[in-house]
Protein backbone atom coordinates (compact mmCIF):
# COMPACT_ATOMS: atom_id res chain seq x y z
CA MET A 1 0.00 0.00 0.00
CA SER A 2 1.45 3.34 -1.06
CA THR A 3 1.89 5.97 1.62
CA LEU A 4 2.44 8.99 -0.60
CA ASN A 5 0.67 10.33 -3.64
CA VAL A 6 3.68 12.13 -5.11
CA SER A 7 7.32 11.29 -5.56
CA VAL A 8 9.62 13.08 -3.15
CA VAL A 9 13.26 14.07 -3.47
CA GLU A 10 14.86 14.04 -0.04
CA PRO A 11 17.27 16.83 0.93
CA GLN A 12 20.85 15.72 0.25
CA ARG A 13 22.60 18.24 2.46
CA ARG A 14 22.26 19.30 6.04
CA ILE A 15 19.94 22.26 6.49
CA GLN A 16 21.69 25.24 7.99
CA VAL A 17 19.57 27.08 10.55
CA HIS A 18 20.04 30.11 12.74
CA VAL A 19 18.23 30.26 16.08
CA PHE A 20 17.08 33.72 17.17
CA GLY A 21 15.11 35.39 19.95
CA GLY A 22 16.39 33.18 22.76
CA GLN A 23 15.40 34.16 26.31
CA ARG A 24 17.22 32.71 29.29
CA ASP A 25 14.14 32.33 31.48
CA ARG A 26 12.21 30.19 28.96
CA PRO A 27 12.78 26.64 27.70
CA PHE A 28 13.85 26.37 24.08
CA ALA A 29 11.60 24.57 21.60
CA ALA A 30 12.49 21.02 20.58
CA LEU A 31 14.20 21.67 17.24
CA PRO A 32 16.32 24.67 18.34
CA SER A 33 17.44 22.56 21.30
CA ALA A 34 18.20 19.55 19.13
CA VAL A 35 20.42 21.54 16.76
CA GLY A 36 22.49 22.70 19.72
CA ALA A 37 21.22 26.21 20.48
CA ALA A 38 20.49 25.25 24.10
CA PRO A 39 20.10 22.10 26.21
CA LEU A 40 16.66 20.56 25.98
CA ALA A 41 14.54 21.26 29.04
CA ARG A 42 13.70 17.76 30.28
CA VAL A 43 10.15 17.11 31.35
CA SER A 44 9.46 14.58 34.09
CA GLY A 45 7.41 11.43 33.86
CA VAL A 46 6.59 9.27 30.87
CA GLU A 47 7.39 11.95 28.27
CA ALA A 48 11.03 12.46 29.26
CA GLU A 49 12.52 10.60 26.26
CA ARG A 50 10.27 12.01 23.55
CA TYR A 51 13.00 13.90 21.69
CA ASP A 52 16.00 11.66 22.36
CA ARG A 53 16.02 10.21 18.84
CA LEU A 54 15.73 13.69 17.31
CA ILE A 55 18.68 14.91 19.38
CA GLN A 56 20.71 11.88 18.31
CA LEU A 57 20.01 12.36 14.59
CA ALA A 58 19.92 16.16 14.40
CA PRO A 59 23.67 16.57 13.60
CA GLN A 60 23.13 14.47 10.46
CA MET A 61 20.19 16.62 9.30
CA PHE A 62 20.87 20.14 10.54
CA GLU A 63 23.75 22.53 11.05
CA LEU A 64 23.65 25.44 13.47
CA GLY A 65 24.60 28.45 11.39
CA THR A 66 25.17 32.16 11.65
CA GLU A 67 22.80 34.98 10.74
CA SER A 68 23.53 34.27 7.07
CA ALA A 69 21.66 30.92 7.26
CA ARG A 70 18.68 30.53 4.92
CA VAL A 71 16.36 29.39 7.71
CA TRP A 72 15.83 31.28 10.94
CA LEU A 73 14.14 29.40 13.78
CA TYR A 74 12.50 31.20 16.65
CA ALA A 75 13.98 29.75 19.83
CA HIS A 76 10.72 29.16 21.75
CA GLU A 77 7.21 27.96 21.10
CA LEU A 78 4.88 30.89 20.60
CA GLN A 79 2.70 31.90 23.51
CA SER A 80 0.88 34.93 22.13
CA LEU A 81 0.24 37.08 19.08
CA GLY A 82 2.11 39.94 20.75
CA GLU A 83 5.22 37.79 21.13
CA PHE A 84 5.08 36.91 17.44
CA GLU A 85 4.73 40.53 16.38
CA ARG A 86 7.66 41.67 18.57
CA GLN A 87 9.96 39.06 17.06
CA LEU A 88 8.79 39.82 13.54
CA ASP A 89 9.72 43.48 13.97
CA LYS A 90 13.33 42.44 14.59
CA LEU A 91 13.67 40.28 11.48
CA PRO A 92 16.44 41.51 9.12
CA PRO A 93 15.54 41.96 5.45
CA HIS A 94 18.07 39.37 4.19
CA VAL A 95 16.35 36.40 5.87
CA GLU A 96 14.83 33.96 3.34
CA HIS A 97 12.72 31.77 5.65
CA CYS A 98 11.63 32.45 9.21
CA VAL A 99 9.94 29.60 11.08
CA PHE A 100 7.86 29.68 14.24
CA PHE A 101 6.31 26.74 16.14
CA ASP A 102 2.99 26.97 17.94
CA GLY A 103 1.87 23.93 19.92
CA ARG A 104 -0.99 25.61 21.78
CA ASP A 105 -4.57 24.38 21.73
CA ASP A 106 -5.70 27.81 20.54
CA MET A 107 -7.10 27.58 17.00
CA GLY A 108 -6.87 31.30 16.29
CA SER A 109 -4.93 32.19 13.16
CA ILE A 110 -1.87 34.43 13.39
CA PRO A 111 -1.84 36.94 10.53
CA ALA A 112 1.44 37.73 8.78
CA LEU A 113 1.86 39.74 5.59
CA ASP A 114 5.56 38.91 5.34
CA ARG A 115 5.78 36.01 2.87
CA ARG A 116 9.01 34.75 4.43
CA ILE A 117 7.09 33.58 7.51
CA THR A 118 5.95 30.01 8.15
CA ILE A 119 4.13 29.02 11.33
CA TYR A 120 3.78 25.33 12.16
CA LYS A 121 0.77 24.66 14.38
CA THR A 122 -0.73 21.53 15.91
CA SER A 123 -4.22 23.07 16.10
CA LEU A 124 -5.77 24.54 12.96
CA GLN A 125 -9.18 24.92 11.39
CA ALA A 126 -9.27 24.39 7.64
CA ARG A 127 -11.81 27.14 7.02
CA THR A 128 -9.81 29.84 8.84
CA ARG A 129 -6.26 28.71 8.14
CA LEU A 130 -3.98 31.30 6.54
CA PRO A 131 -1.50 30.52 3.71
CA HIS A 132 1.60 30.76 5.92
CA GLU A 133 0.15 28.38 8.55
CA ARG A 134 1.00 24.70 8.23
CA ALA A 135 0.07 21.68 10.32
CA MET A 136 2.61 19.86 12.41
CA PRO A 137 2.04 16.58 14.23
CA ALA A 138 1.63 16.46 17.97
CA PRO A 139 4.99 15.13 19.21
CA CYS A 140 4.47 11.71 20.73
CA ASP A 141 6.66 9.00 22.14
CA ASP A 142 7.54 5.84 20.29
CA LEU A 143 4.86 3.57 21.69
CA LEU A 144 6.71 0.46 20.54
CA ALA A 145 9.87 1.34 22.45
CA GLY A 146 8.64 -0.59 25.47
CA VAL A 147 8.24 -3.77 23.41
CA GLY A 148 11.63 -3.64 21.75
CA GLY A 149 10.56 -1.35 18.91
CA ARG A 150 9.00 -4.28 17.06
CA LEU A 151 5.55 -4.08 15.52
CA VAL A 152 3.39 -7.04 16.51
CA GLU A 153 0.68 -7.18 13.88
CA ARG A 154 -2.93 -7.87 14.72
CA GLN A 155 -4.57 -10.70 12.82
CA TRP A 156 -7.60 -9.84 10.70
CA SER A 157 -10.92 -11.18 11.93
CA LYS A 158 -14.43 -10.68 10.65
CA ARG A 159 -15.44 -8.78 13.79
CA PRO A 160 -13.04 -5.86 14.26
CA SER A 161 -12.08 -4.56 17.68
CA VAL A 162 -12.07 -0.85 18.49
CA GLY A 163 -10.26 0.71 21.41
CA PHE A 164 -10.32 3.99 23.26
CA CYS A 165 -8.70 5.04 26.52
CA GLY A 166 -9.01 8.69 27.46
CA PHE A 167 -10.79 11.63 28.98
CA VAL A 168 -14.53 11.76 28.28
CA GLY A 169 -15.98 13.02 31.55
CA SER A 170 -19.57 12.87 32.73
CA PRO A 171 -22.50 14.80 31.23
CA LEU A 172 -22.42 17.04 34.30
CA ARG A 173 -18.72 17.76 33.90
CA ARG A 174 -19.11 18.51 30.20
CA PHE A 175 -21.94 20.91 31.04
CA GLY A 176 -19.68 22.50 33.66
CA PHE A 177 -17.00 23.22 31.06
CA HIS A 178 -19.68 24.78 28.85
CA ALA A 179 -20.98 26.90 31.73
CA LEU A 180 -17.43 28.11 32.40
CA ARG A 181 -17.20 29.06 28.71
CA GLN A 182 -14.53 26.48 28.03
CA HIS A 183 -16.40 25.72 24.84
CA GLN A 184 -13.59 23.95 22.97
CA LYS A 185 -13.13 21.43 25.78
CA SER A 186 -16.88 20.94 26.20
CA GLU A 187 -17.43 20.39 22.47
CA ALA A 188 -14.51 17.97 22.21
CA LEU A 189 -15.62 15.81 25.14
CA THR A 190 -19.19 15.77 23.85
CA LEU A 191 -17.97 14.67 20.42
CA ARG A 192 -15.93 11.90 22.02
CA ALA A 193 -18.91 10.69 24.05
CA ARG A 194 -21.17 10.67 20.99
CA THR A 195 -18.62 8.76 18.92
CA LEU A 196 -18.14 6.06 21.56
CA ALA A 197 -21.90 5.75 22.07
CA CYS A 198 -22.47 5.19 18.34
CA LEU A 199 -19.88 2.41 18.31
CA ASP A 200 -21.17 0.80 21.50
CA ARG A 201 -24.60 0.25 19.93
CA SER A 202 -23.35 -2.34 17.44
CA SER A 203 -22.72 -6.03 18.16
CA ALA A 204 -20.86 -6.34 14.85
CA ILE A 205 -17.75 -4.82 16.44
CA GLN A 206 -15.96 -5.43 19.72
CA THR A 207 -15.42 -2.30 21.77
CA ARG A 208 -12.87 -1.89 24.54
CA PHE A 209 -13.41 1.59 25.94
CA ILE A 210 -11.85 3.06 29.06
CA ARG A 211 -13.62 6.35 29.74
CA ARG A 212 -11.58 8.56 32.05
CA SER A 213 -13.32 11.06 34.30
CA ALA A 214 -10.33 13.43 34.28
CA PHE A 215 -7.42 14.40 32.02
CA TRP A 216 -4.67 11.76 32.19
CA GLY A 217 -6.82 9.87 34.69
CA GLY A 218 -6.26 12.60 37.25
CA SER A 219 -2.50 11.98 37.35
CA MET A 220 -1.64 15.39 35.92
CA GLY A 221 -2.91 18.86 36.73
CA ARG A 222 -1.83 22.45 36.55
CA PHE A 223 0.06 22.20 39.84
CA HIS A 224 0.85 18.52 40.28
CA VAL A 225 2.14 15.37 38.58
CA ASP A 226 1.65 11.98 40.21
CA GLU A 227 4.34 10.04 38.33
CA ARG A 228 3.33 6.66 39.72
CA ARG A 229 -0.29 7.16 38.72
CA GLN A 230 0.78 8.67 35.41
CA LYS A 231 2.85 5.60 34.56
CA LYS A 232 -0.07 3.28 35.33
CA VAL A 233 -2.49 5.34 33.23
CA ARG A 234 0.01 5.39 30.38
CA GLU A 235 0.52 1.63 30.48
CA GLU A 236 -3.25 1.08 30.35
CA PHE A 237 -3.50 3.41 27.38
CA ILE A 238 -0.73 1.64 25.45
CA GLN A 239 -2.14 -1.82 26.16
CA ASN A 240 -5.60 -0.72 25.05
CA LEU A 241 -4.07 0.54 21.81
CA LEU A 242 -1.90 -2.49 21.11
CA GLN A 243 -4.66 -5.00 21.91
CA THR A 244 -7.22 -3.61 19.48
CA ASP A 245 -7.41 -3.24 15.69
CA TYR A 246 -8.67 0.33 15.44
CA ALA A 247 -8.48 3.34 17.76
CA VAL A 248 -11.00 6.16 18.05
CA CYS A 249 -9.23 9.48 17.35
CA VAL A 250 -11.29 12.58 18.14
CA ARG A 251 -10.04 16.10 18.79
CA GLY A 252 -9.25 17.35 22.26
CA LYS A 253 -9.32 20.92 23.55
CA GLY A 254 -7.34 21.91 20.47
CA ASN A 255 -8.61 21.01 17.02
CA PHE A 256 -6.30 18.04 16.57
CA SER A 257 -6.02 14.50 17.86
CA PHE A 258 -2.89 13.62 19.80
CA ARG A 259 -4.14 10.04 19.73
CA LEU A 260 -4.00 10.00 15.92
CA TYR A 261 -0.19 10.15 15.99
CA GLU A 262 0.09 7.70 18.88
CA THR A 263 -2.09 5.21 16.99
CA LEU A 264 0.13 5.47 13.91
CA ALA A 265 3.24 5.11 16.07
CA ALA A 266 1.79 1.88 17.44
CA GLY A 267 1.11 0.54 13.96
CA ARG A 268 -2.63 0.55 14.47
CA ILE A 269 -5.44 2.05 12.37
CA PRO A 270 -7.12 5.29 13.48
CA ILE A 271 -10.84 5.94 13.21
CA PHE A 272 -10.40 9.65 12.56
CA VAL A 273 -13.35 11.94 13.18
CA ASN A 274 -12.67 15.08 11.16
CA SER A 275 -13.67 18.33 12.85
CA ASP A 276 -12.42 20.69 10.12
CA CYS A 277 -8.82 19.69 10.92
CA VAL A 278 -5.66 20.34 8.92
CA LEU A 279 -3.26 17.38 8.89
CA PRO A 280 0.51 17.50 8.29
CA PHE A 281 1.77 17.16 4.72
CA GLU A 282 -1.80 16.96 3.42
CA ASP A 283 -0.51 17.63 -0.11
CA ARG A 284 1.89 14.67 0.10
CA ILE A 285 0.20 12.07 2.31
CA ASP A 286 -2.98 10.35 1.15
CA TRP A 287 -4.50 10.40 4.62
CA LYS A 288 -7.67 8.54 3.70
CA ARG A 289 -5.56 5.49 2.85
CA HIS A 290 -4.21 5.37 6.40
CA VAL A 291 -7.31 6.03 8.50
CA VAL A 292 -11.01 5.27 8.63
CA TRP A 293 -12.13 8.80 7.78
CA LEU A 294 -15.41 10.13 9.13
CA GLU A 295 -16.80 13.66 9.16
CA GLN A 296 -18.11 14.72 12.56
CA ASP A 297 -21.58 15.36 11.10
CA ASP A 298 -21.77 11.77 9.87
CA LEU A 299 -21.33 9.87 13.14
CA GLU A 300 -24.48 7.82 12.70
CA ARG A 301 -22.74 5.98 9.86
CA ILE A 302 -19.56 5.20 11.80
CA VAL A 303 -20.26 1.48 12.23
CA GLU A 304 -21.27 1.04 8.60
CA THR A 305 -18.19 2.96 7.44
CA LEU A 306 -15.83 0.96 9.68
CA LEU A 307 -17.22 -2.43 8.66
CA ALA A 308 -17.03 -1.60 4.95
CA TYR A 309 -13.43 -0.36 5.35
CA HIS A 310 -12.43 -3.44 7.36
CA GLN A 311 -14.03 -5.86 4.92
CA LYS A 312 -12.37 -4.18 1.96
CA LEU A 313 -8.94 -4.45 3.59
CA GLY A 314 -9.15 -8.18 4.14
CA PRO A 315 -6.31 -10.09 5.87
CA GLU A 316 -3.50 -8.98 3.55
CA GLY A 317 -4.54 -5.35 3.35
CA PHE A 318 -5.06 -5.20 7.11
CA ALA A 319 -1.53 -6.46 7.78
CA ALA A 320 -0.01 -4.16 5.15
CA LEU A 321 -1.78 -1.10 6.53
CA GLN A 322 -0.44 -1.71 10.03
CA ARG A 323 3.10 -1.74 8.62
CA ALA A 324 2.43 1.30 6.44
CA ASN A 325 1.04 3.29 9.37
CA ARG A 326 4.04 2.54 11.54
CA ARG A 327 6.33 3.54 8.68
CA LEU A 328 4.33 6.73 8.11
CA TRP A 329 4.90 7.78 11.70
CA GLU A 330 8.59 6.86 11.71
CA GLU A 331 9.46 8.61 8.45
CA TRP A 332 7.04 11.55 8.42
CA LEU A 333 5.39 12.27 11.77
CA SER A 334 7.88 11.44 14.52
CA PRO A 335 9.99 14.41 15.68
CA GLN A 336 13.02 13.05 13.80
CA GLY A 337 10.89 12.40 10.69
CA PHE A 338 8.86 15.60 10.61
CA PHE A 339 11.41 18.37 11.13
CA PRO A 340 13.88 17.55 8.33
CA LYS A 341 11.07 17.00 5.83
CA ALA A 342 9.20 20.16 6.84
CA LEU A 343 12.27 22.39 6.54
CA GLY A 344 13.57 20.51 3.51
CA PHE A 345 10.34 21.05 1.57
CA LEU A 346 10.19 24.65 2.75
CA THR A 347 13.66 25.50 1.44
CA SER A 348 13.10 23.64 -1.85
CA GLU A 349 10.02 25.73 -2.70
CA PRO A 350 10.32 28.84 -4.91
CA LYS A 351 11.61 31.86 -3.04
CA PRO A 352 8.99 34.46 -1.98
CA CYS A 353 8.60 37.35 -4.41
C-alpha cells in the first residue's frame, strides 16, 4: 500500500539554521534545542525521552549556522500574538525563511503579511487557516519502544475490535466546562462521548473503551504530577491501543487529535473523526488510505463505514496497513521524521517574491 501520492526528493545536504530570539528564562523549543542552540529542558514522567532520537540524529540533518543561514528558527514555542509581532519586527531583510512553532490548543490564526514567515501549528481549522500556517504533528513517544521497537501485527478477523482510553468526563462535567465558557473542551468531550456511544450500539464490532473522568486519569494537573499514577495510566493506554485493531481518534481541547499520531506510532489504524482539521503534509500524504475517515456530522454511519473499510482491507490489506502506518509515523510524523522534511520542503520551494 502506497503511503504517498507524489514522488519526493529528499534533501541531500544538512539544512543550515540560525536560532534567534532566545530568552534565558524560557525553555527552548524542541528543534532549536536539538540543533544545539540550548540544552533541551527535560520534562518529568513518561514523556522524558520524547525527543532523544531527534537529538541523536539532528547533527546528520541540521547545522547550526550564523545569521547568514537561509532558515531562521524562533527559539521558543509561541505563547501569544504579541510575542510573534515583537519578534517579527526584529527580522532583518536578508532572511529567506523564518519559522515559528505553535503547539498551543488555541485555533486562532496568526496573521502575517511577510511572505518569508511560516508558522507550524498543531491546532488549525481548515476554514480559517492562513497561507503561511502549516500543520505539524503532535509530538508523541515511540509507543513500541517498550516492546523492543518491534511491531506485533494484529490478525484480521471478521469482527473488528475498536479501542479507546481517554478523557470523556460525565455529562455534568461537560456541562460545567460549557458553563465556564470552556467551549472547545466541552465540544470535544461531547464529540468523544457521541462517537463512543455510536460504536457501542453495534454487536458487529468489539469495543474496549476506558472512559476517564479526568485528564490523564487525574495523574496530571496544573500544579501537580503523580508520576506513579501517570505511569499506570500510560501503560493502560498503550495496552488498550496495542490489543485492538482500530483506535477512536477525536479532537481534544485543540482542534487536533494527539491520539492520531500515537495510533500510527503503534502501527494501528485510526478511526479519525474530522472536525475541520488540517493534517501534516496533506498535499503529500494520502491520509484517507491510512485512516477510517469520518466527518463529525456523519457519526451515525460510523459502524457502517468501519465495517465496509475493514471488509475491503481483508487479511493482507489489514496487515499491510499496520506496517504502512508505523512507517508513516517513523518517516514523516515522529519528531526526527517531521522536522527535516518540513524544513527541507520549505527550502526547496520557490523563493517568496
